[in-house]
């Protein structure tokens, strides 16, 4: 199985969000999202991690920049998705969830 780099925004299905994750300081990872007109349902979260970066004002503090998730969908596809804590620009402020890569199930 080969991983394919995608790097495109995905649109969470809002009704599938898990508000309880906010209490843990994590974004509401969608259980469903659409990409290229198709809705995907997350069956399993296989891994999760955080990407940090230095403070932009010059202090030694590290801040979480992205929340990453490796998931398997109900059709068997594995995907790496992430939530970007700060949008790259004002124009993209609603584009916080991204599909980074996918590995299709073996047939």
PDB file of N, CA and C in Angstrom:
ATOM      1  N   UNK A   1       0.850  -1.188   0.000  1.00  0.00           N
ATOM      2  CA  UNK A   1       0.000   0.000   0.000  1.00  0.00           C
ATOM      3  C   UNK A   1       0.889   1.242   0.000  1.00  0.00           C
ATOM      4  N   UNK A   2       0.612   2.151  -0.910  1.00  0.00           N
ATOM      5  CA  UNK A   2       1.364   3.386  -0.996  1.00  0.00           C
ATOM      6  C   UNK A   2       0.536   4.544  -0.455  1.00  0.00           C
ATOM      7  N   UNK A   3       1.192   5.425   0.279  1.00  0.00           N
ATOM      8  CA  UNK A   3       0.526   6.625   0.779  1.00  0.00           C
ATOM      9  C   UNK A   3       0.558   7.679  -0.322  1.00  0.00           C
ATOM     10  N   UNK A   4      -0.541   8.400  -0.470  1.00  0.00           N
ATOM     11  CA  UNK A   4      -0.649   9.462  -1.461  1.00  0.00           C
ATOM     12  C   UNK A   4      -0.746  10.795  -0.737  1.00  0.00           C
ATOM     13  N   UNK A   5       0.142  11.723  -1.066  1.00  0.00           N
ATOM     14  CA  UNK A   5       0.093  13.060  -0.494  1.00  0.00           C
ATOM     15  C   UNK A   5      -1.097  13.798  -1.087  1.00  0.00           C
ATOM     16  N   UNK A   6      -1.925  14.387  -0.232  1.00  0.00           N
ATOM     17  CA  UNK A   6      -3.120  15.096  -0.693  1.00  0.00           C
ATOM     18  C   UNK A   6      -3.018  16.586  -0.379  1.00  0.00           C
ATOM     19  N   UNK A   7      -2.895  16.924   0.906  1.00  0.00           N
ATOM     20  CA  UNK A   7      -2.776  18.313   1.374  1.00  0.00           C
ATOM     21  C   UNK A   7      -3.899  19.211   0.852  1.00  0.00           C
ATOM     22  N   UNK A   8      -5.151  18.784   1.133  1.00  0.00           N
ATOM     23  CA  UNK A   8      -6.332  19.547   0.749  1.00  0.00           C
ATOM     24  C   UNK A   8      -7.250  19.704   1.956  1.00  0.00           C
ATOM     25  N   UNK A   9      -8.009  20.781   1.994  1.00  0.00           N
ATOM     26  CA  UNK A   9      -8.941  20.960   3.119  1.00  0.00           C
ATOM     27  C   UNK A   9     -10.075  19.939   3.073  1.00  0.00           C
ATOM     28  N   UNK A  10     -10.563  19.586   4.251  1.00  0.00           N
ATOM     29  CA  UNK A  10     -11.743  18.735   4.373  1.00  0.00           C
ATOM     30  C   UNK A  10     -12.795  19.530   5.135  1.00  0.00           C
ATOM     31  N   UNK A  11     -14.043  19.136   4.962  1.00  0.00           N
ATOM     32  CA  UNK A  11     -15.135  19.844   5.637  1.00  0.00           C
ATOM     33  C   UNK A  11     -15.780  18.898   6.647  1.00  0.00           C
ATOM     34  N   UNK A  12     -15.610  19.173   7.955  1.00  0.00           N
ATOM     35  CA  UNK A  12     -16.224  18.323   8.970  1.00  0.00           C
ATOM     36  C   UNK A  12     -17.748  18.369   8.889  1.00  0.00           C
ATOM     37  N   UNK A  13     -18.380  17.234   9.162  1.00  0.00           N
ATOM     38  CA  UNK A  13     -19.828  17.181   9.336  1.00  0.00           C
ATOM     39  C   UNK A  13     -20.059  17.583  10.788  1.00  0.00           C
ATOM     40  N   UNK A  14     -20.579  18.777  10.995  1.00  0.00           N
ATOM     41  CA  UNK A  14     -20.670  19.367  12.328  1.00  0.00           C
ATOM     42  C   UNK A  14     -21.419  18.474  13.313  1.00  0.00           C
ATOM     43  N   UNK A  15     -22.461  17.810  12.865  1.00  0.00           N
ATOM     44  CA  UNK A  15     -23.240  16.969  13.768  1.00  0.00           C
ATOM     45  C   UNK A  15     -22.456  15.754  14.257  1.00  0.00           C
ATOM     46  N   UNK A  16     -21.288  15.484  13.656  1.00  0.00           N
ATOM     47  CA  UNK A  16     -20.488  14.327  14.063  1.00  0.00           C
ATOM     48  C   UNK A  16     -19.375  14.684  15.040  1.00  0.00           C
ATOM     49  N   UNK A  17     -19.294  15.935  15.437  1.00  0.00           N
ATOM     50  CA  UNK A  17     -18.215  16.387  16.316  1.00  0.00           C
ATOM     51  C   UNK A  17     -18.413  15.871  17.738  1.00  0.00           C
ATOM     52  N   UNK A  18     -17.304  15.768  18.484  1.00  0.00           N
ATOM     53  CA  UNK A  18     -17.302  15.286  19.867  1.00  0.00           C
ATOM     54  C   UNK A  18     -16.936  16.426  20.805  1.00  0.00           C
ATOM     55  N   UNK A  19     -17.911  17.179  21.286  1.00  0.00           N
ATOM     56  CA  UNK A  19     -17.604  18.336  22.136  1.00  0.00           C
ATOM     57  C   UNK A  19     -16.820  17.996  23.394  1.00  0.00           C
ATOM     58  N   UNK A  20     -16.899  16.762  23.871  1.00  0.00           N
ATOM     59  CA  UNK A  20     -16.171  16.390  25.087  1.00  0.00           C
ATOM     60  C   UNK A  20     -14.665  16.490  24.908  1.00  0.00           C
ATOM     61  N   UNK A  21     -14.177  16.483  23.679  1.00  0.00           N
ATOM     62  CA  UNK A  21     -12.736  16.590  23.451  1.00  0.00           C
ATOM     63  C   UNK A  21     -12.210  17.960  23.845  1.00  0.00           C
ATOM     64  N   UNK A  22     -13.049  18.978  23.796  1.00  0.00           N
ATOM     65  CA  UNK A  22     -12.620  20.335  24.148  1.00  0.00           C
ATOM     66  C   UNK A  22     -12.107  20.382  25.580  1.00  0.00           C
ATOM     67  N   UNK A  23     -12.748  19.636  26.477  1.00  0.00           N
ATOM     68  CA  UNK A  23     -12.330  19.607  27.879  1.00  0.00           C
ATOM     69  C   UNK A  23     -10.903  19.089  28.027  1.00  0.00           C
ATOM     70  N   UNK A  24     -10.440  18.293  27.071  1.00  0.00           N
ATOM     71  CA  UNK A  24      -9.067  17.774  27.107  1.00  0.00           C
ATOM     72  C   UNK A  24      -8.093  18.696  26.373  1.00  0.00           C
ATOM     73  N   UNK A  25      -8.589  19.827  25.872  1.00  0.00           N
ATOM     74  CA  UNK A  25      -7.719  20.770  25.177  1.00  0.00           C
ATOM     75  C   UNK A  25      -7.421  20.378  23.744  1.00  0.00           C
ATOM     76  N   UNK A  26      -8.270  19.536  23.158  1.00  0.00           N
ATOM     77  CA  UNK A  26      -8.086  19.104  21.783  1.00  0.00           C
ATOM     78  C   UNK A  26      -9.253  19.596  20.937  1.00  0.00           C
ATOM     79  N   UNK A  27      -9.035  19.722  19.627  1.00  0.00           N
ATOM     80  CA  UNK A  27     -10.158  20.107  18.765  1.00  0.00           C
ATOM     81  C   UNK A  27     -11.175  18.973  18.673  1.00  0.00           C
ATOM     82  N   UNK A  28     -12.383  19.310  18.329  1.00  0.00           N
ATOM     83  CA  UNK A  28     -13.430  18.306  18.114  1.00  0.00           C
ATOM     84  C   UNK A  28     -13.143  17.563  16.820  1.00  0.00           C
ATOM     85  N   UNK A  29     -12.548  16.372  16.914  1.00  0.00           N
ATOM     86  CA  UNK A  29     -12.262  15.615  15.708  1.00  0.00           C
ATOM     87  C   UNK A  29     -13.570  15.096  15.126  1.00  0.00           C
ATOM     88  N   UNK A  30     -13.827  15.393  13.864  1.00  0.00           N
ATOM     89  CA  UNK A  30     -15.090  14.942  13.265  1.00  0.00           C
ATOM     90  C   UNK A  30     -15.101  13.429  13.057  1.00  0.00           C
ATOM     91  N   UNK A  31     -16.243  12.814  13.311  1.00  0.00           N
ATOM     92  CA  UNK A  31     -16.405  11.392  12.997  1.00  0.00           C
ATOM     93  C   UNK A  31     -16.779  11.216  11.536  1.00  0.00           C
ATOM     94  N   UNK A  32     -17.228  12.311  10.920  1.00  0.00           N
ATOM     95  CA  UNK A  32     -17.518  12.315   9.488  1.00  0.00           C
ATOM     96  C   UNK A  32     -17.008  13.620   8.894  1.00  0.00           C
ATOM     97  N   UNK A  33     -16.541  13.538   7.647  1.00  0.00           N
ATOM     98  CA  UNK A  33     -16.107  14.736   6.935  1.00  0.00           C
ATOM     99  C   UNK A  33     -16.261  14.499   5.442  1.00  0.00           C
ATOM    100  N   UNK A  34     -16.335  15.587   4.707  1.00  0.00           N
ATOM    101  CA  UNK A  34     -16.430  15.454   3.249  1.00  0.00           C
ATOM    102  C   UNK A  34     -15.135  15.940   2.612  1.00  0.00           C
ATOM    103  N   UNK A  35     -14.786  15.267   1.542  1.00  0.00           N
ATOM    104  CA  UNK A  35     -13.618  15.607   0.746  1.00  0.00           C
ATOM    105  C   UNK A  35     -13.925  15.252  -0.700  1.00  0.00           C
ATOM    106  N   UNK A  36     -13.761  16.218  -1.576  1.00  0.00           N
ATOM    107  CA  UNK A  36     -14.036  16.040  -3.004  1.00  0.00           C
ATOM    108  C   UNK A  36     -15.440  15.480  -3.247  1.00  0.00           C
ATOM    109  N   UNK A  37     -16.402  15.976  -2.459  1.00  0.00           N
ATOM    110  CA  UNK A  37     -17.793  15.619  -2.665  1.00  0.00           C
ATOM    111  C   UNK A  37     -18.232  14.295  -2.063  1.00  0.00           C
ATOM    112  N   UNK A  38     -17.339  13.578  -1.413  1.00  0.00           N
ATOM    113  CA  UNK A  38     -17.691  12.299  -0.792  1.00  0.00           C
ATOM    114  C   UNK A  38     -17.588  12.420   0.725  1.00  0.00           C
ATOM    115  N   UNK A  39     -18.541  11.806   1.446  1.00  0.00           N
ATOM    116  CA  UNK A  39     -18.514  11.815   2.906  1.00  0.00           C
ATOM    117  C   UNK A  39     -17.801  10.561   3.389  1.00  0.00           C
ATOM    118  N   UNK A  40     -16.842  10.754   4.307  1.00  0.00           N
ATOM    119  CA  UNK A  40     -16.093   9.660   4.914  1.00  0.00           C
ATOM    120  C   UNK A  40     -16.464   9.576   6.381  1.00  0.00           C
ATOM    121  N   UNK A  41     -16.584   8.355   6.901  1.00  0.00           N
ATOM    122  CA  UNK A  41     -16.880   8.127   8.307  1.00  0.00           C
ATOM    123  C   UNK A  41     -15.667   7.483   8.961  1.00  0.00           C
ATOM    124  N   UNK A  42     -15.222   8.062  10.071  1.00  0.00           N
ATOM    125  CA  UNK A  42     -14.066   7.541  10.800  1.00  0.00           C
ATOM    126  C   UNK A  42     -14.510   6.336  11.622  1.00  0.00           C
ATOM    127  N   UNK A  43     -13.868   5.188  11.386  1.00  0.00           N
ATOM    128  CA  UNK A  43     -14.163   3.973  12.143  1.00  0.00           C
ATOM    129  C   UNK A  43     -13.239   3.853  13.350  1.00  0.00           C
ATOM    130  N   UNK A  44     -11.960   4.207  13.184  1.00  0.00           N
ATOM    131  CA  UNK A  44     -10.964   4.089  14.250  1.00  0.00           C
ATOM    132  C   UNK A  44      -9.957   5.228  14.180  1.00  0.00           C
ATOM    133  N   UNK A  45      -9.557   5.698  15.354  1.00  0.00           N
ATOM    134  CA  UNK A  45      -8.419   6.618  15.452  1.00  0.00           C
ATOM    135  C   UNK A  45      -7.219   5.737  15.785  1.00  0.00           C
ATOM    136  N   UNK A  46      -6.284   5.616  14.858  1.00  0.00           N
ATOM    137  CA  UNK A  46      -5.141   4.721  15.008  1.00  0.00           C
ATOM    138  C   UNK A  46      -3.996   5.359  15.775  1.00  0.00           C
ATOM    139  N   UNK A  47      -3.869   6.663  15.663  1.00  0.00           N
ATOM    140  CA  UNK A  47      -2.783   7.372  16.342  1.00  0.00           C
ATOM    141  C   UNK A  47      -3.143   8.848  16.402  1.00  0.00           C
ATOM    142  N   UNK A  48      -2.559   9.536  17.353  1.00  0.00           N
ATOM    143  CA  UNK A  48      -2.728  10.992  17.443  1.00  0.00           C
ATOM    144  C   UNK A  48      -1.466  11.579  18.047  1.00  0.00           C
ATOM    145  N   UNK A  49      -1.131  12.787  17.606  1.00  0.00           N
ATOM    146  CA  UNK A  49       0.031  13.481  18.118  1.00  0.00           C
ATOM    147  C   UNK A  49      -0.134  14.969  17.868  1.00  0.00           C
ATOM    148  N   UNK A  50       0.753  15.747  18.476  1.00  0.00           N
ATOM    149  CA  UNK A  50       0.703  17.205  18.343  1.00  0.00           C
ATOM    150  C   UNK A  50       2.017  17.696  17.763  1.00  0.00           C
ATOM    151  N   UNK A  51       1.908  18.727  16.963  1.00  0.00           N
ATOM    152  CA  UNK A  51       3.081  19.385  16.395  1.00  0.00           C
ATOM    153  C   UNK A  51       3.224  20.729  17.091  1.00  0.00           C
ATOM    154  N   UNK A  52       4.396  20.995  17.629  1.00  0.00           N
ATOM    155  CA  UNK A  52       4.616  22.252  18.340  1.00  0.00           C
ATOM    156  C   UNK A  52       5.611  23.124  17.586  1.00  0.00           C
ATOM    157  N   UNK A  53       5.622  24.393  17.957  1.00  0.00           N
ATOM    158  CA  UNK A  53       6.554  25.332  17.382  1.00  0.00           C
ATOM    159  C   UNK A  53       6.852  26.426  18.385  1.00  0.00           C
ATOM    160  N   UNK A  54       7.918  27.172  18.154  1.00  0.00           N
ATOM    161  CA  UNK A  54       8.310  28.219  19.104  1.00  0.00           C
ATOM    162  C   UNK A  54       7.333  29.392  19.096  1.00  0.00           C
ATOM    163  N   UNK A  55       7.324  30.086  20.193  1.00  0.00           N
ATOM    164  CA  UNK A  55       6.532  31.310  20.326  1.00  0.00           C
ATOM    165  C   UNK A  55       7.006  32.315  19.285  1.00  0.00           C
ATOM    166  N   UNK A  56       6.083  32.996  18.645  1.00  0.00           N
ATOM    167  CA  UNK A  56       6.463  33.956  17.603  1.00  0.00           C
ATOM    168  C   UNK A  56       6.908  35.300  18.164  1.00  0.00           C
ATOM    169  N   UNK A  57       6.738  35.500  19.474  1.00  0.00           N
ATOM    170  CA  UNK A  57       7.162  36.779  20.056  1.00  0.00           C
ATOM    171  C   UNK A  57       8.554  36.709  20.676  1.00  0.00           C
ATOM    172  N   UNK A  58       9.232  35.559  20.523  1.00  0.00           N
ATOM    173  CA  UNK A  58      10.617  35.479  20.953  1.00  0.00           C
ATOM    174  C   UNK A  58      10.875  34.779  22.270  1.00  0.00           C
ATOM    175  N   UNK A  59       9.859  34.368  23.006  1.00  0.00           N
ATOM    176  CA  UNK A  59      10.116  33.664  24.265  1.00  0.00           C
ATOM    177  C   UNK A  59      10.513  32.219  23.967  1.00  0.00           C
ATOM    178  N   UNK A  60      10.928  31.496  24.993  1.00  0.00           N
ATOM    179  CA  UNK A  60      11.351  30.106  24.831  1.00  0.00           C
ATOM    180  C   UNK A  60      10.184  29.120  24.864  1.00  0.00           C
ATOM    181  N   UNK A  61       8.964  29.596  24.989  1.00  0.00           N
ATOM    182  CA  UNK A  61       7.801  28.717  25.088  1.00  0.00           C
ATOM    183  C   UNK A  61       7.512  28.032  23.755  1.00  0.00           C
ATOM    184  N   UNK A  62       6.921  26.841  23.858  1.00  0.00           N
ATOM    185  CA  UNK A  62       6.486  26.089  22.694  1.00  0.00           C
ATOM    186  C   UNK A  62       4.957  26.075  22.676  1.00  0.00           C
ATOM    187  N   UNK A  63       4.378  26.213  21.508  1.00  0.00           N
ATOM    188  CA  UNK A  63       2.928  26.216  21.369  1.00  0.00           C
ATOM    189  C   UNK A  63       2.495  25.120  20.407  1.00  0.00           C
ATOM    190  N   UNK A  64       1.323  24.542  20.669  1.00  0.00           N
ATOM    191  CA  UNK A  64       0.780  23.534  19.769  1.00  0.00           C
ATOM    192  C   UNK A  64       0.311  24.243  18.500  1.00  0.00           C
ATOM    193  N   UNK A  65       0.813  23.775  17.369  1.00  0.00           N
ATOM    194  CA  UNK A  65       0.448  24.349  16.075  1.00  0.00           C
ATOM    195  C   UNK A  65      -0.595  23.498  15.353  1.00  0.00           C
ATOM    196  N   UNK A  66      -0.436  22.163  15.435  1.00  0.00           N
ATOM    197  CA  UNK A  66      -1.344  21.251  14.741  1.00  0.00           C
ATOM    198  C   UNK A  66      -1.643  20.046  15.624  1.00  0.00           C
ATOM    199  N   UNK A  67      -2.859  19.543  15.493  1.00  0.00           N
ATOM    200  CA  UNK A  67      -3.269  18.288  16.107  1.00  0.00           C
ATOM    201  C   UNK A  67      -3.420  17.290  14.963  1.00  0.00           C
ATOM    202  N   UNK A  68      -2.644  16.218  14.999  1.00  0.00           N
ATOM    203  CA  UNK A  68      -2.641  15.208  13.940  1.00  0.00           C
ATOM    204  C   UNK A  68      -3.406  13.967  14.380  1.00  0.00           C
ATOM    205  N   UNK A  69      -4.042  13.312  13.418  1.00  0.00           N
ATOM    206  CA  UNK A  69      -4.775  12.070  13.661  1.00  0.00           C
ATOM    207  C   UNK A  69      -4.547  11.145  12.479  1.00  0.00           C
ATOM    208  N   UNK A  70      -4.204   9.908  12.771  1.00  0.00           N
ATOM    209  CA  UNK A  70      -4.175   8.877  11.733  1.00  0.00           C
ATOM    210  C   UNK A  70      -5.416   8.036  11.962  1.00  0.00           C
ATOM    211  N   UNK A  71      -6.286   7.991  10.968  1.00  0.00           N
ATOM    212  CA  UNK A  71      -7.587   7.345  11.131  1.00  0.00           C
ATOM    213  C   UNK A  71      -7.808   6.289  10.050  1.00  0.00           C
ATOM    214  N   UNK A  72      -8.715   5.370  10.355  1.00  0.00           N
ATOM    215  CA  UNK A  72      -9.184   4.417   9.358  1.00  0.00           C
ATOM    216  C   UNK A  72     -10.665   4.698   9.161  1.00  0.00           C
ATOM    217  N   UNK A  73     -11.087   4.813   7.922  1.00  0.00           N
ATOM    218  CA  UNK A  73     -12.492   5.073   7.624  1.00  0.00           C
ATOM    219  C   UNK A  73     -13.239   3.744   7.485  1.00  0.00           C
ATOM    220  N   UNK A  74     -14.546   3.831   7.422  1.00  0.00           N
ATOM    221  CA  UNK A  74     -15.357   2.623   7.335  1.00  0.00           C
ATOM    222  C   UNK A  74     -15.127   1.836   6.049  1.00  0.00           C
ATOM    223  N   UNK A  75     -14.581   2.480   5.011  1.00  0.00           N
ATOM    224  CA  UNK A  75     -14.275   1.744   3.774  1.00  0.00           C
ATOM    225  C   UNK A  75     -12.859   1.159   3.779  1.00  0.00           C
ATOM    226  N   UNK A  76     -12.141   1.298   4.917  1.00  0.00           N
ATOM    227  CA  UNK A  76     -10.809   0.716   5.051  1.00  0.00           C
ATOM    228  C   UNK A  76      -9.659   1.620   4.669  1.00  0.00           C
ATOM    229  N   UNK A  77      -9.935   2.828   4.220  1.00  0.00           N
ATOM    230  CA  UNK A  77      -8.889   3.773   3.850  1.00  0.00           C
ATOM    231  C   UNK A  77      -8.249   4.352   5.105  1.00  0.00           C
ATOM    232  N   UNK A  78      -6.914   4.422   5.130  1.00  0.00           N
ATOM    233  CA  UNK A  78      -6.218   5.094   6.218  1.00  0.00           C
ATOM    234  C   UNK A  78      -5.858   6.500   5.767  1.00  0.00           C
ATOM    235  N   UNK A  79      -6.114   7.461   6.645  1.00  0.00           N
ATOM    236  CA  UNK A  79      -5.866   8.855   6.313  1.00  0.00           C
ATOM    237  C   UNK A  79      -5.131   9.548   7.456  1.00  0.00           C
ATOM    238  N   UNK A  80      -4.266  10.462   7.099  1.00  0.00           N
ATOM    239  CA  UNK A  80      -3.662  11.356   8.081  1.00  0.00           C
ATOM    240  C   UNK A  80      -4.336  12.707   7.901  1.00  0.00           C
ATOM    241  N   UNK A  81      -5.000  13.160   8.964  1.00  0.00           N
ATOM    242  CA  UNK A  81      -5.675  14.454   8.928  1.00  0.00           C
ATOM    243  C   UNK A  81      -5.127  15.308  10.063  1.00  0.00           C
ATOM    244  N   UNK A  82      -5.241  16.611   9.902  1.00  0.00           N
ATOM    245  CA  UNK A  82      -4.800  17.469  10.996  1.00  0.00           C
ATOM    246  C   UNK A  82      -5.687  18.696  11.118  1.00  0.00           C
ATOM    247  N   UNK A  83      -5.651  19.256  12.328  1.00  0.00           N
ATOM    248  CA  UNK A  83      -6.353  20.487  12.649  1.00  0.00           C
ATOM    249  C   UNK A  83      -5.301  21.560  12.851  1.00  0.00           C
ATOM    250  N   UNK A  84      -5.392  22.626  12.101  1.00  0.00           N
ATOM    251  CA  UNK A  84      -4.460  23.746  12.204  1.00  0.00           C
ATOM    252  C   UNK A  84      -5.017  24.759  13.186  1.00  0.00           C
ATOM    253  N   UNK A  85      -4.296  24.989  14.295  1.00  0.00           N
ATOM    254  CA  UNK A  85      -4.816  25.847  15.361  1.00  0.00           C
ATOM    255  C   UNK A  85      -4.955  27.302  14.931  1.00  0.00           C
ATOM    256  N   UNK A  86      -4.075  27.760  14.067  1.00  0.00           N
ATOM    257  CA  UNK A  86      -4.144  29.138  13.586  1.00  0.00           C
ATOM    258  C   UNK A  86      -4.124  29.116  12.068  1.00  0.00           C
ATOM    259  N   UNK A  87      -5.128  29.696  11.484  1.00  0.00           N
ATOM    260  CA  UNK A  87      -5.227  29.711  10.027  1.00  0.00           C
ATOM    261  C   UNK A  87      -4.045  30.463   9.423  1.00  0.00           C
ATOM    262  N   UNK A  88      -3.634  30.019   8.249  1.00  0.00           N
ATOM    263  CA  UNK A  88      -2.498  30.635   7.567  1.00  0.00           C
ATOM    264  C   UNK A  88      -2.781  32.087   7.174  1.00  0.00           C
ATOM    265  N   UNK A  89      -4.042  32.397   6.910  1.00  0.00           N
ATOM    266  CA  UNK A  89      -4.403  33.759   6.537  1.00  0.00           C
ATOM    267  C   UNK A  89      -5.852  34.014   6.936  1.00  0.00           C
ATOM    268  N   UNK A  90      -6.243  35.251   6.905  1.00  0.00           N
ATOM    269  CA  UNK A  90      -7.622  35.609   7.243  1.00  0.00           C
ATOM    270  C   UNK A  90      -8.612  34.947   6.271  1.00  0.00           C
ATOM    271  N   UNK A  91      -8.225  34.860   5.008  1.00  0.00           N
ATOM    272  CA  UNK A  91      -9.071  34.259   3.988  1.00  0.00           C
ATOM    273  C   UNK A  91      -9.327  32.768   4.267  1.00  0.00           C
ATOM    274  N   UNK A  92      -8.367  32.104   4.883  1.00  0.00           N
ATOM    275  CA  UNK A  92      -8.484  30.673   5.136  1.00  0.00           C
ATOM    276  C   UNK A  92      -8.876  30.347   6.573  1.00  0.00           C
ATOM    277  N   UNK A  93      -9.437  31.293   7.294  1.00  0.00           N
ATOM    278  CA  UNK A  93      -9.735  31.069   8.711  1.00  0.00           C
ATOM    279  C   UNK A  93     -10.756  29.964   8.955  1.00  0.00           C
ATOM    280  N   UNK A  94     -11.575  29.643   7.961  1.00  0.00           N
ATOM    281  CA  UNK A  94     -12.538  28.552   8.122  1.00  0.00           C
ATOM    282  C   UNK A  94     -11.966  27.211   7.649  1.00  0.00           C
ATOM    283  N   UNK A  95     -10.767  27.225   7.084  1.00  0.00           N
ATOM    284  CA  UNK A  95     -10.141  25.992   6.598  1.00  0.00           C
ATOM    285  C   UNK A  95      -9.130  25.531   7.636  1.00  0.00           C
ATOM    286  N   UNK A  96      -9.611  24.847   8.652  1.00  0.00           N
ATOM    287  CA  UNK A  96      -8.733  24.410   9.739  1.00  0.00           C
ATOM    288  C   UNK A  96      -8.422  22.922   9.674  1.00  0.00           C
ATOM    289  N   UNK A  97      -9.326  22.122   9.077  1.00  0.00           N
ATOM    290  CA  UNK A  97      -9.121  20.682   8.970  1.00  0.00           C
ATOM    291  C   UNK A  97      -8.571  20.341   7.592  1.00  0.00           C
ATOM    292  N   UNK A  98      -7.518  19.522   7.568  1.00  0.00           N
ATOM    293  CA  UNK A  98      -6.845  19.177   6.322  1.00  0.00           C
ATOM    294  C   UNK A  98      -6.614  17.678   6.224  1.00  0.00           C
ATOM    295  N   UNK A  99      -6.751  17.156   5.019  1.00  0.00           N
ATOM    296  CA  UNK A  99      -6.360  15.781   4.717  1.00  0.00           C
ATOM    297  C   UNK A  99      -4.935  15.861   4.191  1.00  0.00           C
ATOM    298  N   UNK A 100      -3.997  15.280   4.919  1.00  0.00           N
ATOM    299  CA  UNK A 100      -2.596  15.327   4.524  1.00  0.00           C
ATOM    300  C   UNK A 100      -2.265  14.199   3.550  1.00  0.00           C
ATOM    301  N   UNK A 101      -2.645  12.966   3.922  1.00  0.00           N
ATOM    302  CA  UNK A 101      -2.335  11.833   3.044  1.00  0.00           C
ATOM    303  C   UNK A 101      -3.369  10.731   3.229  1.00  0.00           C
ATOM    304  N   UNK A 102      -3.404   9.825   2.262  1.00  0.00           N
ATOM    305  CA  UNK A 102      -4.285   8.662   2.390  1.00  0.00           C
ATOM    306  C   UNK A 102      -3.613   7.447   1.824  1.00  0.00           C
ATOM    307  N   UNK A 103      -3.958   6.314   2.402  1.00  0.00           N
ATOM    308  CA  UNK A 103      -3.483   5.011   1.940  1.00  0.00           C
ATOM    309  C   UNK A 103      -4.724   4.174   1.728  1.00  0.00           C
ATOM    310  N   UNK A 104      -4.986   3.826   0.481  1.00  0.00           N
ATOM    311  CA  UNK A 104      -6.175   3.062   0.160  1.00  0.00           C
ATOM    312  C   UNK A 104      -6.028   1.616   0.609  1.00  0.00           C
ATOM    313  N   UNK A 105      -7.152   1.010   0.952  1.00  0.00           N
ATOM    314  CA  UNK A 105      -7.123  -0.382   1.374  1.00  0.00           C
ATOM    315  C   UNK A 105      -6.690  -1.261   0.216  1.00  0.00           C
ATOM    316  N   UNK A 106      -6.039  -2.375   0.568  1.00  0.00           N
ATOM    317  CA  UNK A 106      -5.629  -3.331  -0.462  1.00  0.00           C
ATOM    318  C   UNK A 106      -6.853  -4.093  -0.953  1.00  0.00           C
ATOM    319  N   UNK A 107      -6.880  -4.347  -2.241  1.00  0.00           N
ATOM    320  CA  UNK A 107      -8.019  -5.095  -2.802  1.00  0.00           C
ATOM    321  C   UNK A 107      -7.631  -6.517  -3.120  1.00  0.00           C
TER     322      UNK A 107
END
